[in-house]
Amino acid sequence: MRAVLINIARVAPSLALALTAVACGSPPELDKQLETLSSWTATMQLAREEHGEGAITTTYATQLRDGALSALEETQKTIGPAAHSKVDSSYAAAALDSLRTAIRQLNAETGS
């Protein structure tokens, strides 16, 4: 009996660490990608507002847009495997759609 307890005491921390790594491994990747999409969406919205007020040039706004397009393309390639449930997929789709919409709105504002 004592040998079993000693083995459990040795295995338990490793098992707990492994389970934590598995449980926490994927969501941060998805969370990071969602955060990136959200950040670019906010940047596009601000750029549209600032351009409309004449605070930034069309050149700068289009440079920002190009950065957002690059981030969108990269994220589209990698976000699918990071979404492990229907809820994750729903969040990912909404974040991608929000960024696409913000890019379209900036394009309409800048005429590009």
PDB file of N, CA and C in Angstrom:
ATOM      1  N   MET A   1       0.827  -1.191   0.000  1.00  0.00           N
ATOM      2  CA  MET A   1       0.000   0.000   0.000  1.00  0.00           C
ATOM      3  C   MET A   1       0.867   1.249   0.000  1.00  0.00           C
ATOM      4  N   ARG A   2       1.928   1.224   0.802  1.00  0.00           N
ATOM      5  CA  ARG A   2       2.807   2.384   0.876  1.00  0.00           C
ATOM      6  C   ARG A   2       3.485   2.626  -0.461  1.00  0.00           C
ATOM      7  N   ALA A   3       3.861   1.578  -1.171  1.00  0.00           N
ATOM      8  CA  ALA A   3       4.493   1.721  -2.485  1.00  0.00           C
ATOM      9  C   ALA A   3       3.545   2.392  -3.479  1.00  0.00           C
ATOM     10  N   VAL A   4       2.274   2.057  -3.409  1.00  0.00           N
ATOM     11  CA  VAL A   4       1.280   2.663  -4.296  1.00  0.00           C
ATOM     12  C   VAL A   4       1.161   4.155  -3.996  1.00  0.00           C
ATOM     13  N   LEU A   5       1.133   4.517  -2.733  1.00  0.00           N
ATOM     14  CA  LEU A   5       1.041   5.927  -2.361  1.00  0.00           C
ATOM     15  C   LEU A   5       2.267   6.702  -2.811  1.00  0.00           C
ATOM     16  N   ILE A   6       3.448   6.088  -2.681  1.00  0.00           N
ATOM     17  CA  ILE A   6       4.677   6.744  -3.116  1.00  0.00           C
ATOM     18  C   ILE A   6       4.645   6.953  -4.626  1.00  0.00           C
ATOM     19  N   ASN A   7       4.202   5.947  -5.377  1.00  0.00           N
ATOM     20  CA  ASN A   7       4.119   6.082  -6.832  1.00  0.00           C
ATOM     21  C   ASN A   7       3.102   7.150  -7.229  1.00  0.00           C
ATOM     22  N   ILE A   8       1.976   7.191  -6.541  1.00  0.00           N
ATOM     23  CA  ILE A   8       0.969   8.223  -6.825  1.00  0.00           C
ATOM     24  C   ILE A   8       1.545   9.604  -6.523  1.00  0.00           C
ATOM     25  N   ALA A   9       2.285   9.706  -5.431  1.00  0.00           N
ATOM     26  CA  ALA A   9       2.889  10.983  -5.067  1.00  0.00           C
ATOM     27  C   ALA A   9       3.903  11.429  -6.119  1.00  0.00           C
ATOM     28  N   ARG A  10       4.585  10.477  -6.745  1.00  0.00           N
ATOM     29  CA  ARG A  10       5.556  10.821  -7.790  1.00  0.00           C
ATOM     30  C   ARG A  10       4.874  11.176  -9.101  1.00  0.00           C
ATOM     31  N   VAL A  11       3.812  10.465  -9.431  1.00  0.00           N
ATOM     32  CA  VAL A  11       3.146  10.633 -10.713  1.00  0.00           C
ATOM     33  C   VAL A  11       2.181  11.818 -10.710  1.00  0.00           C
ATOM     34  N   ALA A  12       1.554  12.096  -9.594  1.00  0.00           N
ATOM     35  CA  ALA A  12       0.524  13.130  -9.524  1.00  0.00           C
ATOM     36  C   ALA A  12       0.997  14.499 -10.013  1.00  0.00           C
ATOM     37  N   PRO A  13       2.152  14.998  -9.577  1.00  0.00           N
ATOM     38  CA  PRO A  13       2.570  16.315 -10.075  1.00  0.00           C
ATOM     39  C   PRO A  13       2.803  16.323 -11.583  1.00  0.00           C
ATOM     40  N   SER A  14       3.399  15.259 -12.108  1.00  0.00           N
ATOM     41  CA  SER A  14       3.625  15.180 -13.548  1.00  0.00           C
ATOM     42  C   SER A  14       2.318  15.115 -14.311  1.00  0.00           C
ATOM     43  N   LEU A  15       1.388  14.333 -13.793  1.00  0.00           N
ATOM     44  CA  LEU A  15       0.091  14.211 -14.427  1.00  0.00           C
ATOM     45  C   LEU A  15      -0.658  15.543 -14.384  1.00  0.00           C
ATOM     46  N   ALA A  16      -0.609  16.200 -13.263  1.00  0.00           N
ATOM     47  CA  ALA A  16      -1.273  17.506 -13.138  1.00  0.00           C
ATOM     48  C   ALA A  16      -0.669  18.517 -14.105  1.00  0.00           C
ATOM     49  N   LEU A  17       0.638  18.512 -14.228  1.00  0.00           N
ATOM     50  CA  LEU A  17       1.310  19.423 -15.150  1.00  0.00           C
ATOM     51  C   LEU A  17       0.925  19.112 -16.590  1.00  0.00           C
ATOM     52  N   ALA A  18       0.900  17.831 -16.931  1.00  0.00           N
ATOM     53  CA  ALA A  18       0.534  17.431 -18.294  1.00  0.00           C
ATOM     54  C   ALA A  18      -0.903  17.818 -18.607  1.00  0.00           C
ATOM     55  N   LEU A  19      -1.820  17.586 -17.684  1.00  0.00           N
ATOM     56  CA  LEU A  19      -3.211  17.949 -17.904  1.00  0.00           C
ATOM     57  C   LEU A  19      -3.382  19.458 -18.028  1.00  0.00           C
ATOM     58  N   THR A  20      -2.656  20.190 -17.230  1.00  0.00           N
ATOM     59  CA  THR A  20      -2.712  21.651 -17.310  1.00  0.00           C
ATOM     60  C   THR A  20      -2.193  22.130 -18.657  1.00  0.00           C
ATOM     61  N   ALA A  21      -1.112  21.542 -19.113  1.00  0.00           N
ATOM     62  CA  ALA A  21      -0.540  21.930 -20.406  1.00  0.00           C
ATOM     63  C   ALA A  21      -1.511  21.637 -21.538  1.00  0.00           C
ATOM     64  N   VAL A  22      -2.148  20.480 -21.490  1.00  0.00           N
ATOM     65  CA  VAL A  22      -3.110  20.123 -22.525  1.00  0.00           C
ATOM     66  C   VAL A  22      -4.324  21.035 -22.445  1.00  0.00           C
ATOM     67  N   ALA A  23      -4.825  21.244 -21.261  1.00  0.00           N
ATOM     68  CA  ALA A  23      -6.021  22.060 -21.096  1.00  0.00           C
ATOM     69  C   ALA A  23      -5.761  23.524 -21.431  1.00  0.00           C
ATOM     70  N   CYS A  24      -4.591  24.013 -21.140  1.00  0.00           N
ATOM     71  CA  CYS A  24      -4.293  25.427 -21.336  1.00  0.00           C
ATOM     72  C   CYS A  24      -3.488  25.692 -22.603  1.00  0.00           C
ATOM     73  N   GLY A  25      -3.037  24.648 -23.273  1.00  0.00           N
ATOM     74  CA  GLY A  25      -2.177  24.822 -24.433  1.00  0.00           C
ATOM     75  C   GLY A  25      -2.848  25.493 -25.601  1.00  0.00           C
ATOM     76  N   SER A  26      -4.037  25.080 -25.956  1.00  0.00           N
ATOM     77  CA  SER A  26      -4.694  25.593 -27.143  1.00  0.00           C
ATOM     78  C   SER A  26      -5.357  26.945 -26.952  1.00  0.00           C
ATOM     79  N   PRO A  27      -6.125  27.136 -25.889  1.00  0.00           N
ATOM     80  CA  PRO A  27      -6.829  28.415 -25.789  1.00  0.00           C
ATOM     81  C   PRO A  27      -5.942  29.658 -25.847  1.00  0.00           C
ATOM     82  N   PRO A  28      -4.768  29.675 -25.219  1.00  0.00           N
ATOM     83  CA  PRO A  28      -3.970  30.891 -25.355  1.00  0.00           C
ATOM     84  C   PRO A  28      -3.629  31.208 -26.803  1.00  0.00           C
ATOM     85  N   GLU A  29      -3.385  30.176 -27.609  1.00  0.00           N
ATOM     86  CA  GLU A  29      -3.109  30.435 -29.015  1.00  0.00           C
ATOM     87  C   GLU A  29      -4.323  31.079 -29.675  1.00  0.00           C
ATOM     88  N   LEU A  30      -5.495  30.509 -29.442  1.00  0.00           N
ATOM     89  CA  LEU A  30      -6.715  31.083 -29.999  1.00  0.00           C
ATOM     90  C   LEU A  30      -6.951  32.469 -29.407  1.00  0.00           C
ATOM     91  N   ASP A  31      -6.777  32.598 -28.101  1.00  0.00           N
ATOM     92  CA  ASP A  31      -6.958  33.900 -27.460  1.00  0.00           C
ATOM     93  C   ASP A  31      -6.032  34.938 -28.064  1.00  0.00           C
ATOM     94  N   LYS A  32      -4.800  34.553 -28.314  1.00  0.00           N
ATOM     95  CA  LYS A  32      -3.831  35.495 -28.887  1.00  0.00           C
ATOM     96  C   LYS A  32      -4.267  35.919 -30.286  1.00  0.00           C
ATOM     97  N   GLN A  33      -4.745  34.967 -31.073  1.00  0.00           N
ATOM     98  CA  GLN A  33      -5.195  35.303 -32.423  1.00  0.00           C
ATOM     99  C   GLN A  33      -6.437  36.186 -32.390  1.00  0.00           C
ATOM    100  N   LEU A  34      -7.351  35.886 -31.485  1.00  0.00           N
ATOM    101  CA  LEU A  34      -8.542  36.732 -31.356  1.00  0.00           C
ATOM    102  C   LEU A  34      -8.167  38.140 -30.906  1.00  0.00           C
ATOM    103  N   GLU A  35      -7.194  38.227 -30.013  1.00  0.00           N
ATOM    104  CA  GLU A  35      -6.717  39.534 -29.549  1.00  0.00           C
ATOM    105  C   GLU A  35      -6.083  40.313 -30.693  1.00  0.00           C
ATOM    106  N   THR A  36      -5.310  39.630 -31.525  1.00  0.00           N
ATOM    107  CA  THR A  36      -4.690  40.278 -32.682  1.00  0.00           C
ATOM    108  C   THR A  36      -5.753  40.805 -33.637  1.00  0.00           C
ATOM    109  N   LEU A  37      -6.753  39.976 -33.925  1.00  0.00           N
ATOM    110  CA  LEU A  37      -7.832  40.414 -34.814  1.00  0.00           C
ATOM    111  C   LEU A  37      -8.576  41.602 -34.230  1.00  0.00           C
ATOM    112  N   SER A  38      -8.849  41.559 -32.942  1.00  0.00           N
ATOM    113  CA  SER A  38      -9.546  42.656 -32.274  1.00  0.00           C
ATOM    114  C   SER A  38      -8.730  43.941 -32.330  1.00  0.00           C
ATOM    115  N   SER A  39      -7.448  43.818 -32.115  1.00  0.00           N
ATOM    116  CA  SER A  39      -6.571  44.981 -32.144  1.00  0.00           C
ATOM    117  C   SER A  39      -6.540  45.616 -33.536  1.00  0.00           C
ATOM    118  N   TRP A  40      -6.429  44.780 -34.559  1.00  0.00           N
ATOM    119  CA  TRP A  40      -6.422  45.312 -35.923  1.00  0.00           C
ATOM    120  C   TRP A  40      -7.778  45.918 -36.279  1.00  0.00           C
ATOM    121  N   THR A  41      -8.846  45.328 -35.808  1.00  0.00           N
ATOM    122  CA  THR A  41     -10.173  45.883 -36.063  1.00  0.00           C
ATOM    123  C   THR A  41     -10.289  47.280 -35.454  1.00  0.00           C
ATOM    124  N   ALA A  42      -9.851  47.413 -34.214  1.00  0.00           N
ATOM    125  CA  ALA A  42      -9.882  48.720 -33.548  1.00  0.00           C
ATOM    126  C   ALA A  42      -8.989  49.721 -34.279  1.00  0.00           C
ATOM    127  N   THR A  43      -7.854  49.257 -34.755  1.00  0.00           N
ATOM    128  CA  THR A  43      -6.937  50.133 -35.502  1.00  0.00           C
ATOM    129  C   THR A  43      -7.591  50.621 -36.786  1.00  0.00           C
ATOM    130  N   MET A  44      -8.290  49.724 -37.486  1.00  0.00           N
ATOM    131  CA  MET A  44      -8.968  50.117 -38.727  1.00  0.00           C
ATOM    132  C   MET A  44     -10.083  51.123 -38.445  1.00  0.00           C
ATOM    133  N   GLN A  45     -10.822  50.912 -37.371  1.00  0.00           N
ATOM    134  CA  GLN A  45     -11.894  51.835 -37.015  1.00  0.00           C
ATOM    135  C   GLN A  45     -11.342  53.209 -36.667  1.00  0.00           C
ATOM    136  N   LEU A  46     -10.259  53.226 -35.909  1.00  0.00           N
ATOM    137  CA  LEU A  46      -9.635  54.501 -35.549  1.00  0.00           C
ATOM    138  C   LEU A  46      -9.058  55.187 -36.781  1.00  0.00           C
ATOM    139  N   ALA A  47      -8.421  54.423 -37.650  1.00  0.00           N
ATOM    140  CA  ALA A  47      -7.853  55.000 -38.870  1.00  0.00           C
ATOM    141  C   ALA A  47      -8.946  55.618 -39.738  1.00  0.00           C
ATOM    142  N   ARG A  48     -10.098  54.958 -39.834  1.00  0.00           N
ATOM    143  CA  ARG A  48     -11.215  55.502 -40.613  1.00  0.00           C
ATOM    144  C   ARG A  48     -11.678  56.826 -40.018  1.00  0.00           C
ATOM    145  N   GLU A  49     -11.830  56.850 -38.697  1.00  0.00           N
ATOM    146  CA  GLU A  49     -12.261  58.083 -38.025  1.00  0.00           C
ATOM    147  C   GLU A  49     -11.228  59.195 -38.202  1.00  0.00           C
ATOM    148  N   GLU A  50      -9.974  58.859 -37.969  1.00  0.00           N
ATOM    149  CA  GLU A  50      -8.907  59.865 -38.066  1.00  0.00           C
ATOM    150  C   GLU A  50      -8.754  60.366 -39.501  1.00  0.00           C
ATOM    151  N   HIS A  51      -8.886  59.497 -40.464  1.00  0.00           N
ATOM    152  CA  HIS A  51      -8.799  59.923 -41.860  1.00  0.00           C
ATOM    153  C   HIS A  51      -9.968  60.837 -42.198  1.00  0.00           C
ATOM    154  N   GLY A  52     -11.140  60.479 -41.722  1.00  0.00           N
ATOM    155  CA  GLY A  52     -12.324  61.307 -41.970  1.00  0.00           C
ATOM    156  C   GLY A  52     -12.202  62.708 -41.395  1.00  0.00           C
ATOM    157  N   GLU A  53     -11.467  62.823 -40.301  1.00  0.00           N
ATOM    158  CA  GLU A  53     -11.255  64.127 -39.671  1.00  0.00           C
ATOM    159  C   GLU A  53     -10.017  64.845 -40.220  1.00  0.00           C
ATOM    160  N   GLY A  54      -9.323  64.198 -41.148  1.00  0.00           N
ATOM    161  CA  GLY A  54      -8.134  64.801 -41.741  1.00  0.00           C
ATOM    162  C   GLY A  54      -6.892  64.694 -40.867  1.00  0.00           C
ATOM    163  N   ALA A  55      -6.946  63.870 -39.843  1.00  0.00           N
ATOM    164  CA  ALA A  55      -5.814  63.748 -38.914  1.00  0.00           C
ATOM    165  C   ALA A  55      -4.706  62.854 -39.443  1.00  0.00           C
ATOM    166  N   ILE A  56      -5.040  61.927 -40.364  1.00  0.00           N
ATOM    167  CA  ILE A  56      -4.003  61.095 -40.986  1.00  0.00           C
ATOM    168  C   ILE A  56      -4.195  61.126 -42.493  1.00  0.00           C
ATOM    169  N   THR A  57      -3.118  60.892 -43.201  1.00  0.00           N
ATOM    170  CA  THR A  57      -3.158  60.929 -44.661  1.00  0.00           C
ATOM    171  C   THR A  57      -3.714  59.620 -45.221  1.00  0.00           C
ATOM    172  N   THR A  58      -4.103  59.677 -46.480  1.00  0.00           N
ATOM    173  CA  THR A  58      -4.569  58.474 -47.166  1.00  0.00           C
ATOM    174  C   THR A  58      -3.441  57.452 -47.258  1.00  0.00           C
ATOM    175  N   THR A  59      -2.233  57.940 -47.476  1.00  0.00           N
ATOM    176  CA  THR A  59      -1.077  57.032 -47.558  1.00  0.00           C
ATOM    177  C   THR A  59      -0.913  56.263 -46.260  1.00  0.00           C
ATOM    178  N   TYR A  60      -0.973  56.954 -45.140  1.00  0.00           N
ATOM    179  CA  TYR A  60      -0.822  56.285 -43.849  1.00  0.00           C
ATOM    180  C   TYR A  60      -1.969  55.321 -43.599  1.00  0.00           C
ATOM    181  N   ALA A  61      -3.184  55.734 -43.931  1.00  0.00           N
ATOM    182  CA  ALA A  61      -4.350  54.871 -43.743  1.00  0.00           C
ATOM    183  C   ALA A  61      -4.225  53.599 -44.577  1.00  0.00           C
ATOM    184  N   THR A  62      -3.741  53.714 -45.802  1.00  0.00           N
ATOM    185  CA  THR A  62      -3.594  52.526 -46.643  1.00  0.00           C
ATOM    186  C   THR A  62      -2.439  51.639 -46.163  1.00  0.00           C
ATOM    187  N   GLN A  63      -1.422  52.238 -45.585  1.00  0.00           N
ATOM    188  CA  GLN A  63      -0.342  51.428 -44.999  1.00  0.00           C
ATOM    189  C   GLN A  63      -0.878  50.614 -43.816  1.00  0.00           C
ATOM    190  N   LEU A  64      -1.696  51.254 -43.001  1.00  0.00           N
ATOM    191  CA  LEU A  64      -2.327  50.534 -41.896  1.00  0.00           C
ATOM    192  C   LEU A  64      -3.219  49.421 -42.431  1.00  0.00           C
ATOM    193  N   ARG A  65      -3.986  49.743 -43.460  1.00  0.00           N
ATOM    194  CA  ARG A  65      -4.866  48.737 -44.066  1.00  0.00           C
ATOM    195  C   ARG A  65      -4.064  47.542 -44.580  1.00  0.00           C
ATOM    196  N   ASP A  66      -2.936  47.821 -45.211  1.00  0.00           N
ATOM    197  CA  ASP A  66      -2.092  46.738 -45.726  1.00  0.00           C
ATOM    198  C   ASP A  66      -1.587  45.848 -44.596  1.00  0.00           C
ATOM    199  N   GLY A  67      -1.257  46.444 -43.471  1.00  0.00           N
ATOM    200  CA  GLY A  67      -0.843  45.663 -42.306  1.00  0.00           C
ATOM    201  C   GLY A  67      -1.977  44.799 -41.792  1.00  0.00           C
ATOM    202  N   ALA A  68      -3.176  45.355 -41.777  1.00  0.00           N
ATOM    203  CA  ALA A  68      -4.345  44.601 -41.327  1.00  0.00           C
ATOM    204  C   ALA A  68      -4.659  43.458 -42.284  1.00  0.00           C
ATOM    205  N   LEU A  69      -4.536  43.716 -43.578  1.00  0.00           N
ATOM    206  CA  LEU A  69      -4.769  42.652 -44.559  1.00  0.00           C
ATOM    207  C   LEU A  69      -3.775  41.515 -44.392  1.00  0.00           C
ATOM    208  N   SER A  70      -2.542  41.870 -44.135  1.00  0.00           N
ATOM    209  CA  SER A  70      -1.504  40.856 -43.908  1.00  0.00           C
ATOM    210  C   SER A  70      -1.826  40.017 -42.671  1.00  0.00           C
ATOM    211  N   ALA A  71      -2.230  40.681 -41.599  1.00  0.00           N
ATOM    212  CA  ALA A  71      -2.591  39.974 -40.372  1.00  0.00           C
ATOM    213  C   ALA A  71      -3.825  39.102 -40.594  1.00  0.00           C
ATOM    214  N   LEU A  72      -4.778  39.604 -41.359  1.00  0.00           N
ATOM    215  CA  LEU A  72      -5.981  38.841 -41.664  1.00  0.00           C
ATOM    216  C   LEU A  72      -5.638  37.576 -42.439  1.00  0.00           C
ATOM    217  N   GLU A  73      -4.818  37.712 -43.460  1.00  0.00           N
ATOM    218  CA  GLU A  73      -4.436  36.552 -44.271  1.00  0.00           C
ATOM    219  C   GLU A  73      -3.700  35.513 -43.433  1.00  0.00           C
ATOM    220  N   GLU A  74      -2.773  35.966 -42.608  1.00  0.00           N
ATOM    221  CA  GLU A  74      -2.002  35.044 -41.764  1.00  0.00           C
ATOM    222  C   GLU A  74      -2.912  34.339 -40.757  1.00  0.00           C
ATOM    223  N   THR A  75      -3.794  35.091 -40.146  1.00  0.00           N
ATOM    224  CA  THR A  75      -4.676  34.521 -39.136  1.00  0.00           C
ATOM    225  C   THR A  75      -5.663  33.540 -39.754  1.00  0.00           C
ATOM    226  N   GLN A  76      -6.141  33.834 -40.964  1.00  0.00           N
ATOM    227  CA  GLN A  76      -7.061  32.916 -41.633  1.00  0.00           C
ATOM    228  C   GLN A  76      -6.423  31.543 -41.831  1.00  0.00           C
ATOM    229  N   LYS A  77      -5.115  31.512 -42.031  1.00  0.00           N
ATOM    230  CA  LYS A  77      -4.406  30.251 -42.248  1.00  0.00           C
ATOM    231  C   LYS A  77      -4.253  29.444 -40.964  1.00  0.00           C
ATOM    232  N   THR A  78      -4.180  30.133 -39.826  1.00  0.00           N
ATOM    233  CA  THR A  78      -3.811  29.451 -38.580  1.00  0.00           C
ATOM    234  C   THR A  78      -4.920  29.344 -37.544  1.00  0.00           C
ATOM    235  N   ILE A  79      -5.979  30.106 -37.695  1.00  0.00           N
ATOM    236  CA  ILE A  79      -6.976  30.139 -36.628  1.00  0.00           C
ATOM    237  C   ILE A  79      -7.848  28.881 -36.601  1.00  0.00           C
ATOM    238  N   GLY A  80      -8.066  28.249 -37.736  1.00  0.00           N
ATOM    239  CA  GLY A  80      -8.894  27.045 -37.780  1.00  0.00           C
ATOM    240  C   GLY A  80      -8.418  25.953 -36.839  1.00  0.00           C
ATOM    241  N   PRO A  81      -7.134  25.567 -36.907  1.00  0.00           N
ATOM    242  CA  PRO A  81      -6.647  24.522 -36.004  1.00  0.00           C
ATOM    243  C   PRO A  81      -6.675  24.931 -34.528  1.00  0.00           C
ATOM    244  N   ALA A  82      -6.666  26.219 -34.252  1.00  0.00           N
ATOM    245  CA  ALA A  82      -6.681  26.679 -32.860  1.00  0.00           C
ATOM    246  C   ALA A  82      -8.092  26.636 -32.261  1.00  0.00           C
ATOM    247  N   ALA A  83      -9.089  26.593 -33.126  1.00  0.00           N
ATOM    248  CA  ALA A  83     -10.477  26.549 -32.652  1.00  0.00           C
ATOM    249  C   ALA A  83     -10.876  25.094 -32.451  1.00  0.00           C
ATOM    250  N   HIS A  84     -11.081  24.714 -31.196  1.00  0.00           N
ATOM    251  CA  HIS A  84     -11.332  23.316 -30.874  1.00  0.00           C
ATOM    252  C   HIS A  84     -12.785  22.992 -30.578  1.00  0.00           C
ATOM    253  N   SER A  85     -13.658  23.961 -30.681  1.00  0.00           N
ATOM    254  CA  SER A  85     -15.072  23.715 -30.411  1.00  0.00           C
ATOM    255  C   SER A  85     -15.907  24.616 -31.316  1.00  0.00           C
ATOM    256  N   LYS A  86     -17.205  24.381 -31.319  1.00  0.00           N
ATOM    257  CA  LYS A  86     -18.099  25.228 -32.109  1.00  0.00           C
ATOM    258  C   LYS A  86     -18.088  26.655 -31.586  1.00  0.00           C
ATOM    259  N   VAL A  87     -17.974  26.804 -30.281  1.00  0.00           N
ATOM    260  CA  VAL A  87     -17.918  28.144 -29.685  1.00  0.00           C
ATOM    261  C   VAL A  87     -16.645  28.861 -30.133  1.00  0.00           C
ATOM    262  N   ASP A  88     -15.508  28.152 -30.085  1.00  0.00           N
ATOM    263  CA  ASP A  88     -14.245  28.734 -30.557  1.00  0.00           C
ATOM    264  C   ASP A  88     -14.372  29.156 -32.019  1.00  0.00           C
ATOM    265  N   SER A  89     -14.939  28.270 -32.834  1.00  0.00           N
ATOM    266  CA  SER A  89     -15.104  28.572 -34.255  1.00  0.00           C
ATOM    267  C   SER A  89     -16.003  29.783 -34.468  1.00  0.00           C
ATOM    268  N   SER A  90     -17.030  29.907 -33.646  1.00  0.00           N
ATOM    269  CA  SER A  90     -17.936  31.045 -33.733  1.00  0.00           C
ATOM    270  C   SER A  90     -17.212  32.350 -33.410  1.00  0.00           C
ATOM    271  N   TYR A  91     -16.417  32.332 -32.335  1.00  0.00           N
ATOM    272  CA  TYR A  91     -15.630  33.521 -31.978  1.00  0.00           C
ATOM    273  C   TYR A  91     -14.645  33.877 -33.090  1.00  0.00           C
ATOM    274  N   ALA A  92     -14.001  32.863 -33.644  1.00  0.00           N
ATOM    275  CA  ALA A  92     -13.024  33.098 -34.707  1.00  0.00           C
ATOM    276  C   ALA A  92     -13.698  33.708 -35.930  1.00  0.00           C
ATOM    277  N   ALA A  93     -14.833  33.152 -36.335  1.00  0.00           N
ATOM    278  CA  ALA A  93     -15.543  33.665 -37.507  1.00  0.00           C
ATOM    279  C   ALA A  93     -15.994  35.105 -37.286  1.00  0.00           C
ATOM    280  N   ALA A  94     -16.499  35.395 -36.106  1.00  0.00           N
ATOM    281  CA  ALA A  94     -16.955  36.757 -35.801  1.00  0.00           C
ATOM    282  C   ALA A  94     -15.790  37.744 -35.828  1.00  0.00           C
ATOM    283  N   ALA A  95     -14.659  37.343 -35.272  1.00  0.00           N
ATOM    284  CA  ALA A  95     -13.493  38.239 -35.248  1.00  0.00           C
ATOM    285  C   ALA A  95     -12.965  38.480 -36.657  1.00  0.00           C
ATOM    286  N   LEU A  96     -12.921  37.438 -37.484  1.00  0.00           N
ATOM    287  CA  LEU A  96     -12.484  37.594 -38.876  1.00  0.00           C
ATOM    288  C   LEU A  96     -13.447  38.496 -39.636  1.00  0.00           C
ATOM    289  N   ASP A  97     -14.744  38.292 -39.456  1.00  0.00           N
ATOM    290  CA  ASP A  97     -15.745  39.133 -40.132  1.00  0.00           C
ATOM    291  C   ASP A  97     -15.650  40.591 -39.694  1.00  0.00           C
ATOM    292  N   SER A  98     -15.413  40.815 -38.408  1.00  0.00           N
ATOM    293  CA  SER A  98     -15.283  42.191 -37.906  1.00  0.00           C
ATOM    294  C   SER A  98     -14.110  42.904 -38.553  1.00  0.00           C
ATOM    295  N   LEU A  99     -12.990  42.203 -38.678  1.00  0.00           N
ATOM    296  CA  LEU A  99     -11.818  42.834 -39.305  1.00  0.00           C
ATOM    297  C   LEU A  99     -12.077  43.076 -40.786  1.00  0.00           C
ATOM    298  N   ARG A 100     -12.684  42.128 -41.473  1.00  0.00           N
ATOM    299  CA  ARG A 100     -13.004  42.336 -42.894  1.00  0.00           C
ATOM    300  C   ARG A 100     -13.895  43.567 -43.070  1.00  0.00           C
ATOM    301  N   THR A 101     -14.892  43.693 -42.210  1.00  0.00           N
ATOM    302  CA  THR A 101     -15.807  44.837 -42.284  1.00  0.00           C
ATOM    303  C   THR A 101     -15.066  46.146 -42.032  1.00  0.00           C
ATOM    304  N   ALA A 102     -14.205  46.162 -41.032  1.00  0.00           N
ATOM    305  CA  ALA A 102     -13.447  47.376 -40.716  1.00  0.00           C
ATOM    306  C   ALA A 102     -12.518  47.759 -41.872  1.00  0.00           C
ATOM    307  N   ILE A 103     -11.936  46.769 -42.526  1.00  0.00           N
ATOM    308  CA  ILE A 103     -11.071  47.045 -43.689  1.00  0.00           C
ATOM    309  C   ILE A 103     -11.904  47.628 -44.828  1.00  0.00           C
ATOM    310  N   ARG A 104     -13.066  47.041 -45.088  1.00  0.00           N
ATOM    311  CA  ARG A 104     -13.949  47.570 -46.149  1.00  0.00           C
ATOM    312  C   ARG A 104     -14.354  49.016 -45.843  1.00  0.00           C
ATOM    313  N   GLN A 105     -14.670  49.290 -44.578  1.00  0.00           N
ATOM    314  CA  GLN A 105     -15.075  50.647 -44.197  1.00  0.00           C
ATOM    315  C   GLN A 105     -13.928  51.638 -44.384  1.00  0.00           C
ATOM    316  N   LEU A 106     -12.715  51.217 -44.047  1.00  0.00           N
ATOM    317  CA  LEU A 106     -11.567  52.100 -44.264  1.00  0.00           C
ATOM    318  C   LEU A 106     -11.342  52.316 -45.750  1.00  0.00           C
ATOM    319  N   ASN A 107     -11.487  51.258 -46.545  1.00  0.00           N
ATOM    320  CA  ASN A 107     -11.350  51.407 -47.996  1.00  0.00           C
ATOM    321  C   ASN A 107     -12.369  52.396 -48.545  1.00  0.00           C
ATOM    322  N   ALA A 108     -13.594  52.323 -48.051  1.00  0.00           N
ATOM    323  CA  ALA A 108     -14.640  53.253 -48.506  1.00  0.00           C
ATOM    324  C   ALA A 108     -14.285  54.692 -48.103  1.00  0.00           C
ATOM    325  N   GLU A 109     -13.748  54.836 -46.909  1.00  0.00           N
ATOM    326  CA  GLU A 109     -13.367  56.173 -46.417  1.00  0.00           C
ATOM    327  C   GLU A 109     -12.231  56.765 -47.250  1.00  0.00           C
ATOM    328  N   THR A 110     -11.246  55.937 -47.595  1.00  0.00           N
ATOM    329  CA  THR A 110     -10.069  56.446 -48.294  1.00  0.00           C
ATOM    330  C   THR A 110     -10.241  56.430 -49.805  1.00  0.00           C
ATOM    331  N   GLY A 111     -11.276  55.737 -50.286  1.00  0.00           N
ATOM    332  CA  GLY A 111     -11.477  55.631 -51.729  1.00  0.00           C
ATOM    333  C   GLY A 111     -10.495  54.704 -52.396  1.00  0.00           C
ATOM    334  N   SER A 112      -9.953  53.771 -51.607  1.00  0.00           N
ATOM    335  CA  SER A 112      -8.997  52.824 -52.220  1.00  0.00           C
ATOM    336  C   SER A 112      -9.497  51.409 -52.182  1.00  0.00           C
TER     337      SER A 112
END
